[in-house]
Amino acid sequence: MGADRVTLFYGIRFQVSDPVEIDLLNLNRHPLIEAARKVGLNHYWGNFALDGGEYYLLYIGTELGEFGFEGKADLEISDSVFAKIQRETRKKIITAGFSLVPSLIVQFEPDV
């Protein structure tokens, strides 16, 4: 049994809709995941549709936490620690060959 949650991530986000790519996500063999792993980045993906449909997103960067009944209740990160996370994550994203600019992402994931 799961529960609704909110994921906090610093990095880049991709929407994935191709069934073949979704299968690769399920196998953790998607090329974007493999590129992330090579440079030590985290990844997280899921179906974030609010209506029971399909809205697959893939995050690459640094996961800061999952919040909800089955996750963390709170998180505190100092300016200096967050600045370090930003610098290191940006460097790894560039090293992996991604051209997107990282940002702080907060994503609600319903348990449907």
Protein backbone atom coordinates (compact mmCIF):
# COMPACT_ATOMS: atom_id res chain seq x y z
CA MET A 1 0.00 0.00 0.00
CA GLY A 2 1.39 3.41 -0.95
CA ALA A 3 0.62 6.97 -0.07
CA ASP A 4 0.65 10.35 -1.77
CA ARG A 5 4.03 12.03 -1.63
CA VAL A 6 5.98 15.08 -2.71
CA THR A 7 9.45 14.69 -4.16
CA LEU A 8 12.01 17.49 -3.83
CA PHE A 9 14.77 17.35 -6.42
CA TYR A 10 17.50 19.64 -7.70
CA GLY A 11 18.20 18.88 -11.33
CA ILE A 12 16.55 18.49 -14.69
CA ARG A 13 13.24 16.96 -15.73
CA PHE A 14 12.15 15.07 -18.82
CA GLN A 15 8.65 14.02 -19.84
CA VAL A 16 8.59 10.48 -21.24
CA SER A 17 5.62 9.31 -23.32
CA ASP A 18 7.01 6.72 -25.73
CA PRO A 19 6.00 3.19 -24.58
CA VAL A 20 9.45 1.80 -25.48
CA GLU A 21 11.14 4.46 -23.34
CA ILE A 22 8.73 3.78 -20.47
CA ASP A 23 9.70 0.10 -20.65
CA LEU A 24 13.37 1.14 -20.47
CA LEU A 25 12.57 3.21 -17.37
CA ASN A 26 10.96 0.15 -15.79
CA LEU A 27 14.15 -1.80 -16.45
CA ASN A 28 16.41 1.08 -15.28
CA ARG A 29 18.06 0.87 -18.71
CA HIS A 30 16.95 4.19 -20.19
CA PRO A 31 19.92 5.99 -21.84
CA LEU A 32 19.31 9.11 -19.70
CA ILE A 33 19.48 7.01 -16.52
CA GLU A 34 22.68 5.36 -17.72
CA ALA A 35 24.24 8.76 -18.49
CA ALA A 36 23.28 9.97 -15.02
CA ARG A 37 24.77 6.92 -13.31
CA LYS A 38 28.10 7.33 -15.09
CA VAL A 39 28.68 10.71 -13.40
CA GLY A 40 27.13 9.88 -10.02
CA LEU A 41 23.78 11.64 -10.39
CA ASN A 42 20.56 10.41 -8.84
CA HIS A 43 17.50 9.68 -10.92
CA TYR A 44 13.84 9.31 -10.06
CA TRP A 45 10.90 8.62 -12.30
CA GLY A 46 7.24 7.84 -11.98
CA ASN A 47 3.74 8.34 -13.24
CA PHE A 48 2.62 11.70 -11.87
CA ALA A 49 -0.85 11.80 -13.48
CA LEU A 50 -3.48 13.19 -11.14
CA ASP A 51 -6.39 11.51 -12.95
CA GLY A 52 -5.19 7.91 -13.14
CA GLY A 53 -3.83 8.47 -16.66
CA GLU A 54 -0.22 8.56 -17.76
CA TYR A 55 2.17 11.46 -17.13
CA TYR A 56 5.66 9.98 -16.80
CA LEU A 57 8.48 12.21 -15.65
CA LEU A 58 12.17 11.43 -15.21
CA TYR A 59 14.35 13.53 -12.92
CA ILE A 60 18.13 13.59 -13.05
CA GLY A 61 20.24 15.41 -10.48
CA THR A 62 20.24 15.29 -6.69
CA GLU A 63 17.23 13.99 -4.80
CA LEU A 64 16.67 16.06 -1.68
CA GLY A 65 13.86 13.93 -0.30
CA GLU A 66 10.45 12.35 -0.55
CA PHE A 67 7.83 13.77 1.78
CA GLY A 68 4.56 12.31 2.99
CA PHE A 69 3.19 9.62 5.26
CA GLU A 70 5.77 7.11 4.01
CA GLY A 71 8.65 9.58 3.62
CA LYS A 72 10.22 12.49 5.41
CA ALA A 73 8.18 15.01 7.34
CA ASP A 74 10.60 17.90 7.01
CA LEU A 75 13.97 18.98 5.69
CA GLU A 76 16.32 21.83 6.47
CA ILE A 77 19.28 22.65 4.22
CA SER A 78 21.57 25.59 4.95
CA ASP A 79 22.47 28.09 2.23
CA SER A 80 26.05 26.84 2.09
CA VAL A 81 25.06 23.18 1.81
CA PHE A 82 22.44 23.93 -0.85
CA ALA A 83 24.95 26.03 -2.80
CA LYS A 84 27.36 23.07 -2.74
CA ILE A 85 24.62 20.73 -3.96
CA GLN A 86 23.85 23.17 -6.79
CA ARG A 87 27.50 23.50 -7.87
CA GLU A 88 28.22 19.77 -7.79
CA THR A 89 24.97 18.83 -9.52
CA ARG A 90 25.43 21.43 -12.30
CA LYS A 91 28.98 20.19 -12.91
CA LYS A 92 27.85 16.56 -13.17
CA ILE A 93 24.93 17.47 -15.46
CA ILE A 94 27.34 19.22 -17.83
CA THR A 95 29.82 16.32 -17.62
CA ALA A 96 27.02 13.88 -18.55
CA GLY A 97 26.32 15.93 -21.68
CA PHE A 98 22.96 17.41 -20.69
CA SER A 99 22.28 20.94 -21.90
CA LEU A 100 19.28 21.72 -19.69
CA VAL A 101 19.74 24.13 -16.80
CA PRO A 102 19.00 22.54 -13.41
CA SER A 103 16.41 23.94 -11.05
CA LEU A 104 14.70 23.16 -7.78
CA ILE A 105 11.75 20.87 -8.55
CA VAL A 106 8.87 20.04 -6.21
CA GLN A 107 6.56 17.36 -7.58
CA PHE A 108 3.37 15.90 -6.10
CA GLU A 109 2.92 12.19 -6.81
CA PRO A 110 -0.56 10.83 -6.10
CA ASP A 111 -1.09 7.24 -5.02
CA VAL A 112 -3.69 6.28 -7.58
